[in-house]
PDB file of N, CA and C in Angstrom:
ATOM      1  N   UNK A   1     -25.233 -22.198   4.560  1.00  0.00           N
ATOM      2  CA  UNK A   1     -25.304 -20.802   3.905  1.00  0.00           C
ATOM      3  C   UNK A   1     -24.980 -20.830   2.464  1.00  0.00           C
ATOM      4  N   UNK A   2     -25.689 -20.261   1.449  1.00  0.00           N
ATOM      5  CA  UNK A   2     -25.565 -20.369  -0.006  1.00  0.00           C
ATOM      6  C   UNK A   2     -24.977 -19.143  -0.763  1.00  0.00           C
ATOM      7  N   UNK A   3     -24.188 -19.074  -1.910  1.00  0.00           N
ATOM      8  CA  UNK A   3     -23.637 -18.097  -2.306  1.00  0.00           C
ATOM      9  C   UNK A   3     -24.404 -17.285  -3.450  1.00  0.00           C
ATOM     10  N   UNK A   4     -24.566 -15.940  -3.484  1.00  0.00           N
ATOM     11  CA  UNK A   4     -25.464 -15.292  -4.338  1.00  0.00           C
ATOM     12  C   UNK A   4     -24.603 -13.944  -4.748  1.00  0.00           C
ATOM     13  N   UNK A   5     -25.332 -13.592  -5.816  1.00  0.00           N
ATOM     14  CA  UNK A   5     -24.511 -12.433  -6.652  1.00  0.00           C
ATOM     15  C   UNK A   5     -25.788 -11.487  -6.670  1.00  0.00           C
ATOM     16  N   UNK A   6     -25.419 -10.532  -6.480  1.00  0.00           N
ATOM     17  CA  UNK A   6     -26.861  -9.288  -6.788  1.00  0.00           C
ATOM     18  C   UNK A   6     -26.099  -7.995  -7.650  1.00  0.00           C
ATOM     19  N   UNK A   7     -26.972  -7.503  -8.391  1.00  0.00           N
ATOM     20  CA  UNK A   7     -26.233  -6.524  -9.129  1.00  0.00           C
ATOM     21  C   UNK A   7     -28.095  -5.521  -9.102  1.00  0.00           C
ATOM     22  N   UNK A   8     -27.947  -4.220  -8.905  1.00  0.00           N
ATOM     23  CA  UNK A   8     -28.745  -3.544  -8.933  1.00  0.00           C
ATOM     24  C   UNK A   8     -28.212  -2.039  -9.477  1.00  0.00           C
ATOM     25  N   UNK A   9     -29.374  -1.470 -10.017  1.00  0.00           N
ATOM     26  CA  UNK A   9     -29.179  -0.017 -10.662  1.00  0.00           C
ATOM     27  C   UNK A   9     -30.008   1.074 -10.112  1.00  0.00           C
ATOM     28  N   UNK A  10     -29.112   2.045  -9.637  1.00  0.00           N
ATOM     29  CA  UNK A  10     -29.594   3.325  -9.035  1.00  0.00           C
ATOM     30  C   UNK A  10     -29.562   4.202 -10.039  1.00  0.00           C
ATOM     31  N   UNK A  11     -30.861   4.903  -9.990  1.00  0.00           N
ATOM     32  CA  UNK A  11     -31.223   6.030 -10.869  1.00  0.00           C
ATOM     33  C   UNK A  11     -29.669   6.947 -10.932  1.00  0.00           C
ATOM     34  N   UNK A  12     -29.265   7.411 -12.236  1.00  0.00           N
ATOM     35  CA  UNK A  12     -28.212   8.454 -12.165  1.00  0.00           C
ATOM     36  C   UNK A  12     -28.387   9.633 -11.634  1.00  0.00           C
ATOM     37  N   UNK A  13     -29.522  10.306 -11.469  1.00  0.00           N
ATOM     38  CA  UNK A  13     -29.750  11.537 -10.817  1.00  0.00           C
ATOM     39  C   UNK A  13     -29.457  11.715  -9.117  1.00  0.00           C
ATOM     40  N   UNK A  14     -29.279  10.321  -8.872  1.00  0.00           N
ATOM     41  CA  UNK A  14     -29.188  10.468  -7.356  1.00  0.00           C
ATOM     42  C   UNK A  14     -27.614  10.599  -7.190  1.00  0.00           C
ATOM     43  N   UNK A  15     -27.251  11.589  -6.199  1.00  0.00           N
ATOM     44  CA  UNK A  15     -26.147  12.089  -5.690  1.00  0.00           C
ATOM     45  C   UNK A  15     -25.094  10.884  -5.014  1.00  0.00           C
ATOM     46  N   UNK A  16     -23.830  11.139  -5.003  1.00  0.00           N
ATOM     47  CA  UNK A  16     -22.523  10.299  -4.799  1.00  0.00           C
ATOM     48  C   UNK A  16     -22.981   9.855  -3.308  1.00  0.00           C
ATOM     49  N   UNK A  17     -23.457  10.837  -2.226  1.00  0.00           N
ATOM     50  CA  UNK A  17     -23.577  10.705  -1.072  1.00  0.00           C
ATOM     51  C   UNK A  17     -24.843   9.625  -0.912  1.00  0.00           C
ATOM     52  N   UNK A  18     -25.778   9.854  -1.471  1.00  0.00           N
ATOM     53  CA  UNK A  18     -27.083   9.164  -1.269  1.00  0.00           C
ATOM     54  C   UNK A  18     -26.980   7.907  -1.692  1.00  0.00           C
ATOM     55  N   UNK A  19     -26.003   7.768  -2.928  1.00  0.00           N
ATOM     56  CA  UNK A  19     -25.864   6.349  -3.652  1.00  0.00           C
ATOM     57  C   UNK A  19     -24.735   5.277  -2.482  1.00  0.00           C
ATOM     58  N   UNK A  20     -24.038   6.112  -1.669  1.00  0.00           N
ATOM     59  CA  UNK A  20     -23.229   5.556  -0.605  1.00  0.00           C
ATOM     60  C   UNK A  20     -24.326   5.020   0.556  1.00  0.00           C
ATOM     61  N   UNK A  21     -25.181   6.124   0.726  1.00  0.00           N
ATOM     62  CA  UNK A  21     -25.956   5.464   1.952  1.00  0.00           C
ATOM     63  C   UNK A  21     -26.955   4.432   1.502  1.00  0.00           C
ATOM     64  N   UNK A  22     -27.122   4.464   0.011  1.00  0.00           N
ATOM     65  CA  UNK A  22     -28.409   3.469   0.231  1.00  0.00           C
ATOM     66  C   UNK A  22     -27.497   2.117  -0.192  1.00  0.00           C
ATOM     67  N   UNK A  23     -26.296   2.099  -0.451  1.00  0.00           N
ATOM     68  CA  UNK A  23     -25.453   0.802  -0.553  1.00  0.00           C
ATOM     69  C   UNK A  23     -25.421   0.323   0.823  1.00  0.00           C
ATOM     70  N   UNK A  24     -25.002   1.349   1.746  1.00  0.00           N
ATOM     71  CA  UNK A  24     -24.741   0.697   3.099  1.00  0.00           C
ATOM     72  C   UNK A  24     -26.133   0.311   3.514  1.00  0.00           C
ATOM     73  N   UNK A  25     -27.295   1.001   3.046  1.00  0.00           N
ATOM     74  CA  UNK A  25     -28.693   0.430   4.142  1.00  0.00           C
ATOM     75  C   UNK A  25     -29.075  -0.851   3.134  1.00  0.00           C
ATOM     76  N   UNK A  26     -28.605  -1.353   2.032  1.00  0.00           N
ATOM     77  CA  UNK A  26     -28.895  -2.634   1.355  1.00  0.00           C
ATOM     78  C   UNK A  26     -28.072  -3.693   1.649  1.00  0.00           C
ATOM     79  N   UNK A  27     -26.792  -3.283   2.364  1.00  0.00           N
ATOM     80  CA  UNK A  27     -26.053  -4.165   3.149  1.00  0.00           C
ATOM     81  C   UNK A  27     -26.634  -4.359   4.222  1.00  0.00           C
ATOM     82  N   UNK A  28     -26.769  -3.634   5.160  1.00  0.00           N
ATOM     83  CA  UNK A  28     -27.522  -3.650   6.647  1.00  0.00           C
ATOM     84  C   UNK A  28     -28.437  -4.649   6.417  1.00  0.00           C
ATOM     85  N   UNK A  29     -29.502  -4.398   5.541  1.00  0.00           N
ATOM     86  CA  UNK A  29     -30.617  -5.162   5.324  1.00  0.00           C
ATOM     87  C   UNK A  29     -30.312  -6.849   5.262  1.00  0.00           C
ATOM     88  N   UNK A  30     -29.151  -6.959   4.259  1.00  0.00           N
ATOM     89  CA  UNK A  30     -28.729  -8.375   4.075  1.00  0.00           C
ATOM     90  C   UNK A  30     -28.265  -8.837   5.361  1.00  0.00           C
ATOM     91  N   UNK A  31     -27.126  -8.079   6.114  1.00  0.00           N
ATOM     92  CA  UNK A  31     -26.609  -8.605   7.230  1.00  0.00           C
ATOM     93  C   UNK A  31     -27.342  -9.026   8.216  1.00  0.00           C
ATOM     94  N   UNK A  32     -28.449  -8.259   8.317  1.00  0.00           N
ATOM     95  CA  UNK A  32     -29.464  -8.120   9.365  1.00  0.00           C
ATOM     96  C   UNK A  32     -30.090  -9.960   9.530  1.00  0.00           C
ATOM     97  N   UNK A  33     -30.291 -10.234   8.171  1.00  0.00           N
ATOM     98  CA  UNK A  33     -30.760 -11.786   8.226  1.00  0.00           C
ATOM     99  C   UNK A  33     -29.608 -12.786   7.900  1.00  0.00           C
ATOM    100  N   UNK A  34     -28.533 -12.438   8.301  1.00  0.00           N
ATOM    101  CA  UNK A  34     -27.323 -13.597   8.301  1.00  0.00           C
ATOM    102  C   UNK A  34     -26.212 -13.364   7.238  1.00  0.00           C
ATOM    103  N   UNK A  35     -26.322 -12.451   6.134  1.00  0.00           N
ATOM    104  CA  UNK A  35     -25.417 -12.365   5.163  1.00  0.00           C
ATOM    105  C   UNK A  35     -24.110 -12.196   5.415  1.00  0.00           C
ATOM    106  N   UNK A  36     -23.309 -12.586   4.962  1.00  0.00           N
ATOM    107  CA  UNK A  36     -21.540 -12.552   5.040  1.00  0.00           C
ATOM    108  C   UNK A  36     -20.987 -11.776   3.613  1.00  0.00           C
ATOM    109  N   UNK A  37     -20.707 -10.732   3.501  1.00  0.00           N
ATOM    110  CA  UNK A  37     -20.461  -9.979   2.276  1.00  0.00           C
ATOM    111  C   UNK A  37     -18.795 -10.692   2.122  1.00  0.00           C
ATOM    112  N   UNK A  38     -18.318 -10.804   0.776  1.00  0.00           N
ATOM    113  CA  UNK A  38     -17.245 -11.363   0.149  1.00  0.00           C
ATOM    114  C   UNK A  38     -16.883 -10.411  -0.579  1.00  0.00           C
ATOM    115  N   UNK A  39     -17.551  -9.602  -1.289  1.00  0.00           N
ATOM    116  CA  UNK A  39     -17.348  -8.540  -2.013  1.00  0.00           C
ATOM    117  C   UNK A  39     -18.460  -7.374  -2.543  1.00  0.00           C
ATOM    118  N   UNK A  40     -18.369  -6.471  -2.276  1.00  0.00           N
ATOM    119  CA  UNK A  40     -19.129  -5.285  -2.529  1.00  0.00           C
ATOM    120  C   UNK A  40     -18.313  -4.086  -3.420  1.00  0.00           C
ATOM    121  N   UNK A  41     -19.172  -4.195  -4.455  1.00  0.00           N
ATOM    122  CA  UNK A  41     -18.327  -2.984  -5.606  1.00  0.00           C
ATOM    123  C   UNK A  41     -19.277  -1.767  -6.273  1.00  0.00           C
ATOM    124  N   UNK A  42     -18.590  -0.684  -6.310  1.00  0.00           N
ATOM    125  CA  UNK A  42     -19.919   0.430  -6.946  1.00  0.00           C
ATOM    126  C   UNK A  42     -19.072   0.449  -8.164  1.00  0.00           C
ATOM    127  N   UNK A  43     -19.844   0.129  -9.247  1.00  0.00           N
ATOM    128  CA  UNK A  43     -19.066   0.357 -10.747  1.00  0.00           C
ATOM    129  C   UNK A  43     -19.509   1.261 -11.462  1.00  0.00           C
ATOM    130  N   UNK A  44     -20.133   2.109 -10.800  1.00  0.00           N
ATOM    131  CA  UNK A  44     -20.239   3.634 -11.023  1.00  0.00           C
ATOM    132  C   UNK A  44     -21.242   3.772 -12.229  1.00  0.00           C
ATOM    133  N   UNK A  45     -21.628   5.134 -12.711  1.00  0.00           N
ATOM    134  CA  UNK A  45     -22.393   5.373 -13.752  1.00  0.00           C
ATOM    135  C   UNK A  45     -22.118   4.891 -15.071  1.00  0.00           C
ATOM    136  N   UNK A  46     -23.028   4.242 -15.764  1.00  0.00           N
ATOM    137  CA  UNK A  46     -22.804   3.691 -16.918  1.00  0.00           C
ATOM    138  C   UNK A  46     -24.090   4.070 -17.664  1.00  0.00           C
ATOM    139  N   UNK A  47     -24.222   3.779 -19.085  1.00  0.00           N
ATOM    140  CA  UNK A  47     -25.270   3.837 -20.074  1.00  0.00           C
ATOM    141  C   UNK A  47     -25.883   2.748 -19.931  1.00  0.00           C
ATOM    142  N   UNK A  48     -27.228   2.819 -20.063  1.00  0.00           N
ATOM    143  CA  UNK A  48     -28.142   1.330 -20.116  1.00  0.00           C
ATOM    144  C   UNK A  48     -28.167   1.038 -21.123  1.00  0.00           C
ATOM    145  N   UNK A  49     -28.301  -0.489 -21.471  1.00  0.00           N
ATOM    146  CA  UNK A  49     -28.340  -0.970 -22.944  1.00  0.00           C
ATOM    147  C   UNK A  49     -30.037  -0.532 -23.440  1.00  0.00           C
ATOM    148  N   UNK A  50     -30.963  -0.245 -22.705  1.00  0.00           N
ATOM    149  CA  UNK A  50     -32.191   0.323 -22.835  1.00  0.00           C
ATOM    150  C   UNK A  50     -32.776   1.048 -21.823  1.00  0.00           C
ATOM    151  N   UNK A  51     -33.836   1.857 -22.354  1.00  0.00           N
ATOM    152  CA  UNK A  51     -34.362   2.838 -21.181  1.00  0.00           C
ATOM    153  C   UNK A  51     -35.226   1.789 -20.146  1.00  0.00           C
ATOM    154  N   UNK A  52     -34.679   2.203 -18.925  1.00  0.00           N
ATOM    155  CA  UNK A  52     -35.858   1.358 -17.945  1.00  0.00           C
ATOM    156  C   UNK A  52     -36.094   2.513 -16.749  1.00  0.00           C
ATOM    157  N   UNK A  53     -37.498   2.470 -16.602  1.00  0.00           N
ATOM    158  CA  UNK A  53     -38.373   3.596 -15.913  1.00  0.00           C
ATOM    159  C   UNK A  53     -38.095   4.944 -16.253  1.00  0.00           C
ATOM    160  N   UNK A  54     -37.602   5.180 -17.945  1.00  0.00           N
ATOM    161  CA  UNK A  54     -37.458   6.302 -18.522  1.00  0.00           C
ATOM    162  C   UNK A  54     -35.796   7.043 -18.017  1.00  0.00           C
ATOM    163  N   UNK A  55     -35.236   5.986 -17.450  1.00  0.00           N
ATOM    164  CA  UNK A  55     -33.729   6.354 -17.316  1.00  0.00           C
ATOM    165  C   UNK A  55     -32.976   5.692 -18.353  1.00  0.00           C
ATOM    166  N   UNK A  56     -31.853   6.583 -18.723  1.00  0.00           N
ATOM    167  CA  UNK A  56     -30.990   6.188 -19.882  1.00  0.00           C
ATOM    168  C   UNK A  56     -29.578   5.766 -19.418  1.00  0.00           C
ATOM    169  N   UNK A  57     -29.365   6.334 -18.136  1.00  0.00           N
ATOM    170  CA  UNK A  57     -28.157   5.849 -17.360  1.00  0.00           C
ATOM    171  C   UNK A  57     -28.740   5.764 -15.739  1.00  0.00           C
ATOM    172  N   UNK A  58     -27.605   4.965 -15.266  1.00  0.00           N
ATOM    173  CA  UNK A  58     -27.997   4.427 -13.849  1.00  0.00           C
ATOM    174  C   UNK A  58     -26.467   4.129 -13.122  1.00  0.00           C
ATOM    175  N   UNK A  59     -26.432   3.887 -11.973  1.00  0.00           N
ATOM    176  CA  UNK A  59     -25.059   3.463 -11.181  1.00  0.00           C
ATOM    177  C   UNK A  59     -25.248   2.118 -10.706  1.00  0.00           C
ATOM    178  N   UNK A  60     -24.483   1.126 -11.313  1.00  0.00           N
ATOM    179  CA  UNK A  60     -24.526  -0.232 -11.219  1.00  0.00           C
ATOM    180  C   UNK A  60     -23.639  -0.488  -9.926  1.00  0.00           C
ATOM    181  N   UNK A  61     -24.344  -1.410  -9.024  1.00  0.00           N
ATOM    182  CA  UNK A  61     -23.674  -1.949  -7.562  1.00  0.00           C
ATOM    183  C   UNK A  61     -23.686  -3.425  -7.718  1.00  0.00           C
ATOM    184  N   UNK A  62     -22.765  -4.022  -7.311  1.00  0.00           N
ATOM    185  CA  UNK A  62     -22.570  -5.381  -7.114  1.00  0.00           C
ATOM    186  C   UNK A  62     -22.290  -6.039  -6.073  1.00  0.00           C
ATOM    187  N   UNK A  63     -22.964  -7.328  -5.652  1.00  0.00           N
ATOM    188  CA  UNK A  63     -22.858  -7.976  -4.142  1.00  0.00           C
ATOM    189  C   UNK A  63     -22.637  -9.206  -4.520  1.00  0.00           C
ATOM    190  N   UNK A  64     -21.451  -9.656  -3.545  1.00  0.00           N
ATOM    191  CA  UNK A  64     -21.372 -11.055  -3.978  1.00  0.00           C
ATOM    192  C   UNK A  64     -21.220 -11.349  -2.391  1.00  0.00           C
ATOM    193  N   UNK A  65     -22.082 -12.513  -2.205  1.00  0.00           N
ATOM    194  CA  UNK A  65     -22.287 -12.578  -0.448  1.00  0.00           C
ATOM    195  C   UNK A  65     -22.679 -14.365  -0.325  1.00  0.00           C
ATOM    196  N   UNK A  66     -22.523 -14.540   0.852  1.00  0.00           N
ATOM    197  CA  UNK A  66     -22.832 -15.833   1.460  1.00  0.00           C
ATOM    198  C   UNK A  66     -24.196 -15.332   2.364  1.00  0.00           C
ATOM    199  N   UNK A  67     -25.287 -16.317   2.285  1.00  0.00           N
ATOM    200  CA  UNK A  67     -26.457 -16.123   3.032  1.00  0.00           C
ATOM    201  C   UNK A  67     -27.316 -17.204   3.100  1.00  0.00           C
ATOM    202  N   UNK A  68     -28.116 -17.189   3.919  1.00  0.00           N
ATOM    203  CA  UNK A  68     -29.322 -18.121   4.025  1.00  0.00           C
ATOM    204  C   UNK A  68     -30.189 -17.804   3.364  1.00  0.00           C
ATOM    205  N   UNK A  69     -31.285 -18.567   2.751  1.00  0.00           N
ATOM    206  CA  UNK A  69     -32.026 -18.176   1.544  1.00  0.00           C
ATOM    207  C   UNK A  69     -33.131 -17.122   1.891  1.00  0.00           C
ATOM    208  N   UNK A  70     -33.338 -16.687   3.216  1.00  0.00           N
ATOM    209  CA  UNK A  70     -34.514 -15.938   3.323  1.00  0.00           C
ATOM    210  C   UNK A  70     -33.668 -14.308   3.378  1.00  0.00           C
ATOM    211  N   UNK A  71     -32.286 -14.528   3.242  1.00  0.00           N
ATOM    212  CA  UNK A  71     -31.989 -13.027   2.972  1.00  0.00           C
ATOM    213  C   UNK A  71     -32.158 -12.491   1.486  1.00  0.00           C
ATOM    214  N   UNK A  72     -32.395 -13.208   0.396  1.00  0.00           N
ATOM    215  CA  UNK A  72     -32.760 -13.076  -0.992  1.00  0.00           C
ATOM    216  C   UNK A  72     -33.809 -12.249  -1.052  1.00  0.00           C
ATOM    217  N   UNK A  73     -35.025 -13.024  -0.183  1.00  0.00           N
ATOM    218  CA  UNK A  73     -36.414 -12.509  -0.096  1.00  0.00           C
ATOM    219  C   UNK A  73     -36.274 -11.159   0.466  1.00  0.00           C
ATOM    220  N   UNK A  74     -35.779 -10.888   1.634  1.00  0.00           N
ATOM    221  CA  UNK A  74     -35.661  -9.583   2.147  1.00  0.00           C
ATOM    222  C   UNK A  74     -34.687  -8.374   1.689  1.00  0.00           C
ATOM    223  N   UNK A  75     -33.897  -8.859   0.772  1.00  0.00           N
ATOM    224  CA  UNK A  75     -33.012  -8.122  -0.013  1.00  0.00           C
ATOM    225  C   UNK A  75     -33.818  -7.512  -1.247  1.00  0.00           C
ATOM    226  N   UNK A  76     -34.638  -8.393  -1.929  1.00  0.00           N
ATOM    227  CA  UNK A  76     -35.230  -8.147  -3.072  1.00  0.00           C
ATOM    228  C   UNK A  76     -36.425  -7.287  -2.801  1.00  0.00           C
ATOM    229  N   UNK A  77     -37.092  -7.427  -1.525  1.00  0.00           N
ATOM    230  CA  UNK A  77     -38.402  -6.625  -1.006  1.00  0.00           C
ATOM    231  C   UNK A  77     -37.788  -5.118  -0.578  1.00  0.00           C
ATOM    232  N   UNK A  78     -36.663  -5.164  -0.424  1.00  0.00           N
ATOM    233  CA  UNK A  78     -36.151  -3.654   0.104  1.00  0.00           C
ATOM    234  C   UNK A  78     -35.493  -3.115  -1.495  1.00  0.00           C
ATOM    235  N   UNK A  79     -35.196  -3.580  -2.178  1.00  0.00           N
ATOM    236  CA  UNK A  79     -34.898  -3.062  -3.752  1.00  0.00           C
ATOM    237  C   UNK A  79     -36.047  -2.752  -3.832  1.00  0.00           C
ATOM    238  N   UNK A  80     -37.287  -3.344  -4.042  1.00  0.00           N
ATOM    239  CA  UNK A  80     -38.553  -2.866  -4.835  1.00  0.00           C
ATOM    240  C   UNK A  80     -39.145  -1.706  -4.152  1.00  0.00           C
ATOM    241  N   UNK A  81     -38.792  -1.607  -2.726  1.00  0.00           N
ATOM    242  CA  UNK A  81     -39.390  -0.496  -1.656  1.00  0.00           C
ATOM    243  C   UNK A  81     -38.798   0.683  -2.201  1.00  0.00           C
ATOM    244  N   UNK A  82     -37.471   0.829  -2.515  1.00  0.00           N
ATOM    245  CA  UNK A  82     -36.791   1.707  -2.624  1.00  0.00           C
ATOM    246  C   UNK A  82     -36.853   2.417  -3.952  1.00  0.00           C
ATOM    247  N   UNK A  83     -37.303   3.698  -4.209  1.00  0.00           N
ATOM    248  CA  UNK A  83     -37.825   3.872  -5.609  1.00  0.00           C
ATOM    249  C   UNK A  83     -36.454   4.527  -6.216  1.00  0.00           C
ATOM    250  N   UNK A  84     -35.474   4.722  -5.693  1.00  0.00           N
ATOM    251  CA  UNK A  84     -34.331   5.424  -6.497  1.00  0.00           C
ATOM    252  C   UNK A  84     -33.546   3.790  -7.065  1.00  0.00           C
ATOM    253  N   UNK A  85     -34.087   2.593  -6.836  1.00  0.00           N
ATOM    254  CA  UNK A  85     -33.250   1.446  -7.679  1.00  0.00           C
ATOM    255  C   UNK A  85     -34.312   1.189  -8.866  1.00  0.00           C
ATOM    256  N   UNK A  86     -33.615   1.274 -10.089  1.00  0.00           N
ATOM    257  CA  UNK A  86     -34.727   1.031 -10.933  1.00  0.00           C
ATOM    258  C   UNK A  86     -34.838  -0.481 -11.699  1.00  0.00           C
ATOM    259  N   UNK A  87     -33.833  -1.315 -11.467  1.00  0.00           N
ATOM    260  CA  UNK A  87     -33.765  -2.490 -11.769  1.00  0.00           C
ATOM    261  C   UNK A  87     -32.459  -3.489 -10.662  1.00  0.00           C
ATOM    262  N   UNK A  88     -33.087  -4.712 -10.519  1.00  0.00           N
ATOM    263  CA  UNK A  88     -32.213  -5.541  -9.951  1.00  0.00           C
ATOM    264  C   UNK A  88     -32.088  -7.092 -10.290  1.00  0.00           C
ATOM    265  N   UNK A  89     -31.232  -7.941  -9.868  1.00  0.00           N
ATOM    266  CA  UNK A  89     -31.238  -9.286 -10.221  1.00  0.00           C
ATOM    267  C   UNK A  89     -30.314  -9.799  -9.116  1.00  0.00           C
ATOM    268  N   UNK A  90     -30.903 -11.198  -8.522  1.00  0.00           N
ATOM    269  CA  UNK A  90     -29.714 -11.825  -7.883  1.00  0.00           C
ATOM    270  C   UNK A  90     -29.766 -13.115  -8.224  1.00  0.00           C
ATOM    271  N   UNK A  91     -28.678 -13.926  -8.166  1.00  0.00           N
ATOM    272  CA  UNK A  91     -28.414 -15.215  -8.958  1.00  0.00           C
ATOM    273  C   UNK A  91     -27.914 -16.021  -7.625  1.00  0.00           C
ATOM    274  N   UNK A  92     -28.291 -17.029  -7.771  1.00  0.00           N
ATOM    275  CA  UNK A  92     -27.935 -18.207  -6.801  1.00  0.00           C
ATOM    276  C   UNK A  92     -26.630 -18.808  -7.567  1.00  0.00           C
ATOM    277  N   UNK A  93     -25.795 -19.271  -6.925  1.00  0.00           N
ATOM    278  CA  UNK A  93     -24.886 -19.888  -7.634  1.00  0.00           C
ATOM    279  C   UNK A  93     -24.229 -21.196  -6.723  1.00  0.00           C
ATOM    280  N   UNK A  94     -24.009 -22.269  -7.667  1.00  0.00           N
ATOM    281  CA  UNK A  94     -23.501 -23.631  -7.385  1.00  0.00           C
ATOM    282  C   UNK A  94     -22.470 -23.600  -6.646  1.00  0.00           C
ATOM    283  N   UNK A  95     -21.485 -23.055  -7.172  1.00  0.00           N
ATOM    284  CA  UNK A  95     -20.054 -23.127  -6.478  1.00  0.00           C
ATOM    285  C   UNK A  95     -19.187 -21.855  -6.411  1.00  0.00           C
ATOM    286  N   UNK A  96     -18.457 -21.680  -5.702  1.00  0.00           N
ATOM    287  CA  UNK A  96     -17.614 -20.325  -5.672  1.00  0.00           C
ATOM    288  C   UNK A  96     -17.159 -19.642  -6.837  1.00  0.00           C
ATOM    289  N   UNK A  97     -16.989 -18.534  -7.076  1.00  0.00           N
ATOM    290  CA  UNK A  97     -16.584 -18.023  -8.426  1.00  0.00           C
ATOM    291  C   UNK A  97     -14.882 -18.280  -8.476  1.00  0.00           C
ATOM    292  N   UNK A  98     -14.598 -18.319  -9.653  1.00  0.00           N
ATOM    293  CA  UNK A  98     -12.808 -18.280  -9.895  1.00  0.00           C
ATOM    294  C   UNK A  98     -12.712 -17.073 -10.992  1.00  0.00           C
ATOM    295  N   UNK A  99     -11.929 -16.537 -10.420  1.00  0.00           N
ATOM    296  CA  UNK A  99     -11.387 -15.111 -11.396  1.00  0.00           C
ATOM    297  C   UNK A  99     -10.848 -15.778 -12.423  1.00  0.00           C
ATOM    298  N   UNK A 100     -11.432 -15.234 -14.027  1.00  0.00           N
ATOM    299  CA  UNK A 100     -10.594 -15.917 -14.968  1.00  0.00           C
ATOM    300  C   UNK A 100      -9.217 -15.621 -15.441  1.00  0.00           C
ATOM    301  N   UNK A 101      -8.730 -16.467 -15.801  1.00  0.00           N
ATOM    302  CA  UNK A 101      -7.180 -16.312 -16.153  1.00  0.00           C
ATOM    303  C   UNK A 101      -6.811 -15.695 -17.292  1.00  0.00           C
ATOM    304  N   UNK A 102      -5.555 -15.182 -17.721  1.00  0.00           N
ATOM    305  CA  UNK A 102      -5.640 -14.245 -18.783  1.00  0.00           C
ATOM    306  C   UNK A 102      -5.075 -14.940 -19.807  1.00  0.00           C
ATOM    307  N   UNK A 103      -5.424 -14.917 -21.086  1.00  0.00           N
ATOM    308  CA  UNK A 103      -5.168 -15.970 -22.284  1.00  0.00           C
ATOM    309  C   UNK A 103      -3.850 -15.787 -22.670  1.00  0.00           C
ATOM    310  N   UNK A 104      -3.203 -17.086 -22.618  1.00  0.00           N
ATOM    311  CA  UNK A 104      -2.024 -16.908 -23.030  1.00  0.00           C
ATOM    312  C   UNK A 104      -1.722 -17.296 -24.662  1.00  0.00           C
ATOM    313  N   UNK A 105      -0.998 -16.259 -25.471  1.00  0.00           N
ATOM    314  CA  UNK A 105      -0.935 -16.596 -26.784  1.00  0.00           C
ATOM    315  C   UNK A 105       0.521 -16.314 -26.771  1.00  0.00           C
ATOM    316  N   UNK A 106       1.137 -16.849 -27.780  1.00  0.00           N
ATOM    317  CA  UNK A 106       2.525 -16.829 -28.244  1.00  0.00           C
ATOM    318  C   UNK A 106       2.650 -15.630 -29.312  1.00  0.00           C
ATOM    319  N   UNK A 107       3.853 -14.799 -29.484  1.00  0.00           N
ATOM    320  CA  UNK A 107       4.045 -13.972 -30.568  1.00  0.00           C
ATOM    321  C   UNK A 107       4.119 -14.780 -31.953  1.00  0.00           C
ATOM    322  N   UNK A 108       4.377 -15.937 -31.867  1.00  0.00           N
ATOM    323  CA  UNK A 108       4.394 -16.467 -33.400  1.00  0.00           C
ATOM    324  C   UNK A 108       3.130 -16.368 -33.886  1.00  0.00           C
ATOM    325  N   UNK A 109       1.909 -16.796 -32.713  1.00  0.00           N
ATOM    326  CA  UNK A 109       0.726 -16.411 -33.650  1.00  0.00           C
ATOM    327  C   UNK A 109       0.263 -15.217 -34.076  1.00  0.00           C
ATOM    328  N   UNK A 110       0.430 -14.397 -33.453  1.00  0.00           N
ATOM    329  CA  UNK A 110       0.730 -13.545 -34.173  1.00  0.00           C
ATOM    330  C   UNK A 110       1.155 -12.832 -35.155  1.00  0.00           C
ATOM    331  N   UNK A 111       2.417 -13.141 -35.434  1.00  0.00           N
ATOM    332  CA  UNK A 111       3.312 -12.695 -36.395  1.00  0.00           C
ATOM    333  C   UNK A 111       2.685 -13.628 -37.611  1.00  0.00           C
ATOM    334  N   UNK A 112       2.205 -14.734 -37.793  1.00  0.00           N
ATOM    335  CA  UNK A 112       1.644 -15.612 -38.846  1.00  0.00           C
ATOM    336  C   UNK A 112       0.551 -15.041 -39.298  1.00  0.00           C
ATOM    337  N   UNK A 113      -0.496 -14.384 -38.479  1.00  0.00           N
ATOM    338  CA  UNK A 113      -1.381 -13.754 -38.841  1.00  0.00           C
ATOM    339  C   UNK A 113      -2.307 -14.481 -38.338  1.00  0.00           C
ATOM    340  N   UNK A 114      -2.274 -15.599 -37.669  1.00  0.00           N
ATOM    341  CA  UNK A 114      -3.483 -16.344 -36.691  1.00  0.00           C
ATOM    342  C   UNK A 114      -3.842 -15.634 -35.491  1.00  0.00           C
ATOM    343  N   UNK A 115      -4.970 -15.980 -35.234  1.00  0.00           N
ATOM    344  CA  UNK A 115      -5.481 -15.461 -34.018  1.00  0.00           C
ATOM    345  C   UNK A 115      -6.070 -16.728 -33.224  1.00  0.00           C
TER     346      UNK A 115
END
């Protein structure tokens, strides 16, 4: 089983209850084909960088999961069939994500004007 990240954007006009139901529906599609979710996050409504299908805002949803490669095809097919999803992207990861460490800076660097 391979690691994947998937991000999709739902129309901003969709209610919170419908958004939650749609997220669960997409998770069920992936789990039916053998996906194991590591992380699933609703990032909320955000302004889009550019207009997509006449929409200026959308609800961003992020999935991080381990699955056989047939899952991606089924999941993306479901994204395309759902008219409330306006954009999506799924990426195959070569290795597991490691959270970034905070940048360590000393107070002397700021006092001297260097960054």
